[in-house]
Protein backbone atom coordinates (compact mmCIF):
# COMPACT_ATOMS: atom_id res chain seq x y z
CA MET A 1 28.14 -189.22 37.78
CA LYS A 2 31.10 -190.70 36.28
CA LYS A 3 33.09 -187.96 37.39
CA ALA A 4 31.48 -188.18 40.72
CA SER A 5 31.91 -192.28 40.94
CA LEU A 6 35.66 -191.90 39.61
CA LEU A 7 36.42 -189.46 42.38
CA ILE A 8 34.96 -191.04 45.05
CA GLY A 9 36.76 -194.18 44.22
CA ALA A 10 39.77 -191.88 44.47
CA LEU A 11 39.08 -190.99 47.81
CA VAL A 12 38.42 -194.51 48.99
CA ALA A 13 41.59 -195.69 47.77
CA MET A 14 43.41 -192.92 49.65
CA SER A 15 41.89 -193.82 52.66
CA ALA A 16 42.50 -197.31 52.29
CA LEU A 17 46.35 -196.31 51.54
CA ALA A 18 46.47 -194.42 54.46
CA ALA A 19 44.84 -196.98 56.99
CA SER A 20 47.58 -199.56 55.50
CA ASN A 21 50.06 -197.87 56.72
CA SER A 22 51.99 -198.97 59.71
CA TRP A 23 52.06 -195.96 62.44
CA ALA A 24 55.93 -196.73 63.60
CA ALA A 25 56.65 -195.17 66.60
CA ASP A 26 59.52 -193.39 65.18
CA LYS A 27 57.63 -192.09 62.72
CA PRO A 28 56.16 -188.81 62.67
CA VAL A 29 52.48 -189.01 60.98
CA ILE A 30 51.37 -185.99 58.77
CA GLY A 31 47.77 -185.46 57.90
CA LEU A 32 47.11 -183.64 54.57
CA VAL A 33 43.86 -182.70 54.29
CA MET A 34 43.37 -181.00 50.29
CA LYS A 35 40.69 -179.44 48.36
CA SER A 36 38.98 -181.44 45.61
CA LEU A 37 41.13 -184.09 43.94
CA ALA A 38 38.59 -183.41 40.88
CA ASN A 39 41.23 -180.29 40.07
CA PRO A 40 44.43 -181.93 39.03
CA PHE A 41 46.26 -179.21 40.30
CA TYR A 42 45.35 -180.67 44.11
CA LYS A 43 45.94 -184.61 42.35
CA THR A 44 49.46 -183.18 41.18
CA MET A 45 49.93 -181.97 44.69
CA VAL A 46 49.00 -185.04 46.71
CA ASP A 47 51.05 -187.48 43.92
CA GLY A 48 54.22 -185.31 44.76
CA ALA A 49 53.53 -185.89 48.29
CA GLN A 50 52.97 -189.59 48.25
CA ALA A 51 56.58 -189.63 45.84
CA TYR A 52 58.40 -187.57 48.68
CA GLU A 53 56.78 -189.75 51.56
CA ALA A 54 58.34 -192.89 49.49
CA GLU A 55 61.72 -191.16 48.94
CA ARG A 56 62.31 -189.74 52.44
CA GLY A 57 61.06 -192.92 54.58
CA ASP A 58 61.00 -191.33 57.61
CA PHE A 59 56.95 -190.08 58.38
CA VAL A 60 53.96 -191.43 57.49
CA LEU A 61 51.51 -189.58 55.20
CA LYS A 62 47.76 -189.58 55.89
CA ALA A 63 45.87 -187.58 52.57
CA VAL A 64 42.18 -187.02 52.36
CA GLY A 65 40.60 -184.85 49.34
CA MET A 66 37.17 -183.59 49.16
CA GLN A 67 34.46 -184.30 46.57
CA SER A 68 34.16 -180.93 45.37
CA GLU A 69 35.79 -177.31 46.24
CA THR A 70 32.63 -176.43 48.53
CA ASP A 71 32.49 -179.91 50.49
CA VAL A 72 33.66 -178.34 53.80
CA ASP A 73 31.89 -181.06 55.42
CA THR A 74 34.50 -183.61 54.34
CA GLN A 75 37.46 -181.42 55.66
CA LEU A 76 35.94 -181.15 58.89
CA THR A 77 35.34 -184.89 59.67
CA ALA A 78 38.61 -185.52 58.41
CA ILE A 79 40.41 -183.23 60.87
CA ASP A 80 38.35 -184.71 63.80
CA SER A 81 39.48 -188.13 62.39
CA MET A 82 43.02 -187.02 62.54
CA ILE A 83 42.73 -185.44 66.04
CA THR A 84 41.31 -188.71 67.31
CA GLN A 85 43.97 -190.79 65.57
CA GLN A 86 46.41 -188.56 67.31
CA VAL A 87 48.44 -187.51 64.06
CA ASP A 88 51.39 -185.00 64.64
CA ALA A 89 50.66 -182.36 62.46
CA ILE A 90 48.23 -181.37 59.89
CA ILE A 91 48.64 -179.55 56.76
CA ILE A 92 45.19 -177.87 55.52
CA ILE A 93 44.48 -175.95 52.55
CA PRO A 94 41.14 -174.85 53.86
CA GLY A 95 38.17 -174.95 51.92
CA ASP A 96 36.26 -172.30 53.84
CA SER A 97 38.85 -169.81 55.71
CA ARG A 98 36.48 -169.23 59.04
CA ALA A 99 34.96 -172.69 59.33
CA LEU A 100 37.69 -174.53 59.51
CA VAL A 101 39.39 -172.55 62.15
CA PRO A 102 37.47 -174.24 65.11
CA PRO A 103 38.53 -177.81 64.38
CA LEU A 104 42.24 -176.62 63.85
CA LYS A 105 41.91 -175.12 67.66
CA ARG A 106 40.93 -178.24 68.85
CA ALA A 107 44.36 -180.00 66.93
CA LEU A 108 46.03 -177.05 68.51
CA ASP A 109 44.58 -177.83 71.83
CA ASP A 110 45.63 -181.45 71.45
CA ASN A 111 49.56 -180.72 70.79
CA ILE A 112 49.14 -181.50 67.20
CA GLN A 113 50.87 -179.02 64.90
CA VAL A 114 49.22 -177.20 62.37
CA ILE A 115 50.06 -175.38 59.07
CA ASP A 116 48.19 -173.55 56.78
CA MET A 117 48.94 -173.85 53.30
CA LEU A 118 47.61 -171.93 49.98
CA THR A 119 44.22 -170.63 50.89
CA PRO A 120 45.08 -168.13 54.03
CA LEU A 121 42.82 -168.57 57.14
CA ASP A 122 40.55 -165.79 58.45
CA PRO A 123 42.81 -163.39 60.69
CA LYS A 124 39.89 -162.28 62.70
CA ALA A 125 38.41 -165.78 63.32
CA MET A 126 42.12 -167.03 64.21
CA GLN A 127 41.92 -164.01 66.62
CA ASP A 128 38.43 -164.47 68.07
CA ALA A 129 39.85 -168.42 68.55
CA GLY A 130 42.88 -167.14 70.27
CA ILE A 131 45.21 -169.10 68.08
CA ASP A 132 47.79 -168.05 65.63
CA ILE A 133 48.22 -170.60 62.67
CA GLY A 134 51.45 -170.11 60.01
CA TYR A 135 50.77 -169.80 56.93
CA TYR A 136 52.82 -171.18 53.50
CA GLY A 137 51.35 -169.99 50.18
CA PRO A 138 52.14 -167.31 47.64
CA ASP A 139 50.78 -163.62 47.27
CA ASP A 140 47.91 -164.57 45.89
CA ARG A 141 46.98 -160.86 44.78
CA GLU A 142 50.50 -159.97 43.47
CA ALA A 143 50.54 -163.03 41.66
CA THR A 144 46.94 -162.35 40.36
CA LYS A 145 47.87 -158.84 39.13
CA LEU A 146 50.89 -160.59 37.42
CA VAL A 147 48.21 -162.45 35.27
CA GLY A 148 45.93 -159.44 34.99
CA ASP A 149 48.57 -157.16 33.81
CA VAL A 150 49.15 -159.29 30.76
CA LEU A 151 45.49 -159.10 29.61
CA ALA A 152 45.31 -155.37 30.43
CA LYS A 153 48.57 -155.03 28.14
CA LYS A 154 46.72 -156.91 25.65
CA LEU A 155 43.31 -154.93 25.43
CA GLY A 156 44.84 -151.51 26.36
CA PRO A 157 42.73 -148.90 28.16
CA GLY A 158 39.28 -149.31 28.13
CA GLY A 159 39.13 -153.02 27.42
CA LYS A 160 35.72 -155.05 28.76
CA VAL A 161 36.42 -157.38 31.05
CA VAL A 162 34.93 -160.11 33.20
CA VAL A 163 36.06 -161.85 36.74
CA LEU A 164 35.54 -165.09 37.58
CA GLU A 165 36.03 -165.66 41.04
CA GLY A 166 36.72 -168.39 43.27
CA ALA A 167 34.55 -169.69 46.12
CA PRO A 168 33.06 -167.03 48.71
CA GLY A 169 34.28 -167.46 52.29
CA VAL A 170 37.78 -168.60 50.62
CA GLU A 171 40.61 -166.04 51.49
CA ASN A 172 42.67 -166.72 48.15
CA ALA A 173 39.47 -166.06 46.69
CA VAL A 174 39.13 -162.89 47.82
CA ASN A 175 43.01 -161.88 47.14
CA ARG A 176 43.22 -163.18 44.05
CA LYS A 177 39.95 -161.04 42.71
CA GLN A 178 41.68 -157.88 43.95
CA GLY A 179 44.62 -158.58 42.32
CA PHE A 180 42.59 -158.72 39.02
CA VAL A 181 41.13 -155.30 40.10
CA ASP A 182 44.23 -153.81 40.96
CA ALA A 183 45.44 -154.87 37.39
CA ILE A 184 42.13 -153.71 35.92
CA GLU A 185 42.72 -150.18 37.67
CA GLU A 186 46.31 -149.57 36.57
CA GLY A 187 45.34 -150.64 33.00
CA LYS A 188 42.33 -148.57 32.99
CA LEU A 189 39.95 -151.36 31.91
CA ALA A 190 36.21 -151.49 32.09
CA LEU A 191 34.79 -154.21 34.71
CA LEU A 192 31.36 -155.27 33.44
CA ALA A 193 30.84 -158.27 35.63
CA SER A 194 32.67 -160.06 38.32
CA GLN A 195 31.38 -163.69 39.63
CA THR A 196 31.94 -167.00 41.57
CA ALA A 197 32.21 -169.83 39.79
CA TYR A 198 33.45 -171.91 42.86
CA TRP A 199 36.57 -172.79 41.11
CA GLU A 200 34.63 -175.50 38.97
CA THR A 201 34.58 -175.81 34.96
CA GLU A 202 31.23 -176.89 34.46
CA GLN A 203 30.03 -173.71 36.60
CA ALA A 204 32.49 -171.39 35.09
CA ASN A 205 30.77 -172.38 31.54
CA THR A 206 27.52 -171.58 32.64
CA VAL A 207 28.63 -168.44 34.69
CA PHE A 208 30.39 -167.24 32.04
CA THR A 209 28.04 -168.00 29.08
CA ASN A 210 25.39 -165.91 30.81
CA MET A 211 27.83 -163.01 31.11
CA LEU A 212 28.37 -163.57 27.17
CA ALA A 213 24.47 -163.18 26.53
CA ALA A 214 24.57 -159.97 28.81
CA TYR A 215 27.63 -158.13 27.86
CA PRO A 216 28.49 -159.71 23.96
CA ASP A 217 30.99 -157.09 23.55
CA VAL A 218 33.21 -158.40 26.25
CA GLN A 219 37.10 -158.55 25.27
CA GLY A 220 38.53 -160.56 28.14
CA VAL A 221 38.13 -162.90 31.04
CA MET A 222 39.98 -163.04 34.34
CA ALA A 223 39.58 -166.47 35.80
CA ALA A 224 40.86 -167.20 39.45
CA ASN A 225 41.97 -170.41 38.33
CA ASP A 226 43.17 -172.18 35.18
CA SER A 227 39.71 -174.77 35.59
CA MET A 228 37.70 -172.12 35.65
CA ALA A 229 39.43 -170.43 32.53
CA ILE A 230 39.08 -173.60 30.69
CA GLY A 231 34.94 -173.58 31.36
CA ALA A 232 35.19 -169.80 29.73
CA ILE A 233 37.51 -171.14 26.78
CA LYS A 234 34.57 -173.90 26.31
CA ALA A 235 31.76 -171.14 26.19
CA ILE A 236 34.01 -169.17 23.95
CA GLU A 237 34.20 -171.60 21.27
CA ALA A 238 30.65 -172.68 21.77
CA ALA A 239 29.62 -168.99 21.05
CA GLY A 240 31.98 -169.26 17.66
CA LYS A 241 33.90 -166.30 19.15
CA THR A 242 37.49 -167.85 19.43
CA GLY A 243 39.94 -165.26 19.27
CA GLN A 244 37.87 -162.47 19.80
CA ILE A 245 37.92 -162.77 23.67
CA GLN A 246 41.09 -163.32 25.37
CA VAL A 247 41.47 -165.19 28.55
CA VAL A 248 43.83 -165.89 31.44
CA GLY A 249 43.84 -168.53 34.68
CA PHE A 250 45.74 -169.19 37.36
CA ASP A 251 47.62 -172.68 38.28
CA ASN A 252 49.58 -173.52 35.06
CA LEU A 253 47.38 -177.07 34.69
CA ASP A 254 48.75 -179.47 32.27
CA ALA A 255 45.34 -179.18 30.84
CA VAL A 256 45.92 -175.63 29.76
CA GLN A 257 49.22 -176.34 27.91
CA PRO A 258 47.56 -176.54 24.43
CA PHE A 259 45.36 -173.50 24.75
CA LEU A 260 48.09 -171.61 25.74
CA LYS A 261 50.34 -172.77 22.53
CA ASP A 262 47.21 -171.86 20.39
CA GLY A 263 46.27 -168.51 22.08
CA LYS A 264 43.18 -169.77 23.53
CA LEU A 265 44.70 -168.75 26.94
CA LEU A 266 46.91 -165.50 27.10
CA ALA A 267 48.52 -166.47 30.29
CA THR A 268 48.61 -168.18 33.71
CA LEU A 269 50.37 -168.68 36.69
CA ASP A 270 52.67 -171.55 37.87
CA MET A 271 52.64 -172.32 41.81
CA PHE A 272 54.61 -175.64 41.53
CA ALA A 273 51.91 -177.93 42.58
CA ALA A 274 53.84 -181.19 42.86
CA GLN A 275 56.25 -179.36 45.08
CA GLN A 276 53.84 -177.34 47.76
CA ALA A 277 52.69 -180.30 49.68
CA VAL A 278 56.91 -181.47 49.86
CA LYS A 279 57.58 -177.71 51.17
CA ALA A 280 54.90 -177.92 53.84
CA ILE A 281 55.78 -181.11 54.89
CA ASP A 282 59.19 -180.36 55.39
CA LEU A 283 58.16 -177.03 57.22
CA ALA A 284 55.88 -179.43 59.71
CA LEU A 285 58.68 -181.94 60.13
CA ALA A 286 60.80 -179.08 61.21
CA SER A 287 58.19 -178.10 63.63
CA LEU A 288 58.13 -181.14 65.03
CA GLU A 289 61.57 -181.49 65.36
CA THR A 290 62.19 -178.31 66.96
CA LYS A 291 58.78 -178.00 69.13
CA THR A 292 58.32 -175.20 67.50
CA PRO A 293 55.01 -174.28 65.43
CA LEU A 294 55.58 -172.34 62.35
CA LYS A 295 54.50 -168.90 62.92
CA GLY A 296 53.75 -165.76 60.17
CA TRP A 297 54.21 -166.17 56.51
CA VAL A 298 56.59 -168.19 54.39
CA LYS A 299 56.08 -167.35 50.82
CA GLY A 300 55.92 -169.54 48.08
CA GLU A 301 57.43 -169.54 44.54
CA VAL A 302 55.06 -168.35 41.37
CA LYS A 303 56.16 -167.72 37.97
CA LEU A 304 54.15 -166.07 35.20
CA ILE A 305 53.40 -168.39 31.98
CA THR A 306 52.71 -167.34 28.63
CA ALA A 307 52.96 -169.19 25.44
CA ALA A 308 56.45 -169.10 25.12
CA ASP A 309 56.61 -171.38 28.54
CA ALA A 310 53.83 -173.86 27.29
CA LYS A 311 54.72 -177.19 27.95
């Protein structure tokens, strides 16, 4: 309950901050619709965006976060609110790759620029809606294969692994799982089980504890984000199997740096969270200046992180 209260407090504070901004006529208003601020990756991202707003001083930022990774209703409400308030552009990290398409179409119909960031919207849903929203983010499949390859090399052919997936219905969760599967197939690993833990640490702890009971000979865990990797590491520690099971993650959170240093986390992937929203804001401002919507895919930078790179 304490964690939930703190998060709700943070959301209220952000809303108050946005409401306190005077929306000068000469300053474009950028709406940033985030995923859960309980995830340090997104908290780092919004901190970077707010610092950039203060640094530039030529746009107004209106940031909103979800209470959990599956709290799509908050995103739906936020988009409707931003349409009503006539922001100039919306940057969205969709909590659901299909459910967010209709409200984003309404935004486009109201001449609001829209940029999809980090989590691709479903191509068929966009096609059915008759829209084409530009995307900024990494190649998740390619990136998770980089991390998966590290585990495959460590275990060797025949190594027994499980996958902790992101939330169902989200394109980057699908792509990250496929990247792991690519590494598994190429490295000739044995996939014992693959199950969602909804991007959450506690969910991952529970899911992997159950996997460990079902597959006591598991040798490796591929987690689609660091929050879930932490949950798996905690389950491994509780089972007294530290050092016997290798774990890889994705995001390069500050919280996993000690695990990288002591070998509890074999590898992760840095997507440079603090700069993600900054780049997307630049893309949005450029679109507004040129009156040309972003089209296609602008690829984001990633970097494989191992113990040698730990902060």
